[in-house]
Amino acid sequence: MSTDQQCLHCLHIMTESMPLKVGLLAKRGSNFPHRWQEREFRLHTSKIEYYVPGAQHSHPVRSAEYKGECLISHESRCDAINDFPEKSFVFKLVTASKQLLLTGRSEEERSEWMDVIGIAIKANCSSAASLLHEACREGNFEAVRAQLQEKVDVQVGDNVSWPIFMS
């Protein structure tokens, strides 16, 4: 494996092991009758996973409390739904394989989740991946890792930062 490949591999492991955001949202079930159930969501740069709230999980070995995941790509999108009849603060995440209807407890919570999901979608664009790769190649790997652990903005290039959110 080349140095560049090792660098990308380490960066991928580092960013996938620490979620961008963790928190509770209500998810609308896909089977009729469509019930809303609270789930614990873990947003990573390439996927969003959901679990039964409060469950102990040791990924990658999934427990019975794991409920599902959606892969996020640069083609995914996240949209607010302001006229949903039975709930407020609804938003929709559309990926290649699934569509999730989610709701936060407030407009602020919905906006924050949508912003962070937007960051994950942008991180899957080649330009964002390229900036992260360049930061690692320049020897900024330790600084990026330290900043990720502190859950603050990660500077990955000139005037470009990658914020990390936890709730």
Foldseek 3Di string as FASTA:
>chain_A
DDPLVVLLVVLVVLQQVAFLEWDWKWWFDPDPPTDTDIWIWGHTLFKIWTFRPPDDADPPPGDPRTDDMDTAALPKAKAFDCPDPPDHQWMWIDDPVDIIIIHDPDVVVSVVVRVLSVLSSVCRDPVNSVLQSVCSVVVVVVVQSVCVVVQAWDDSDVVDTRGGDYD
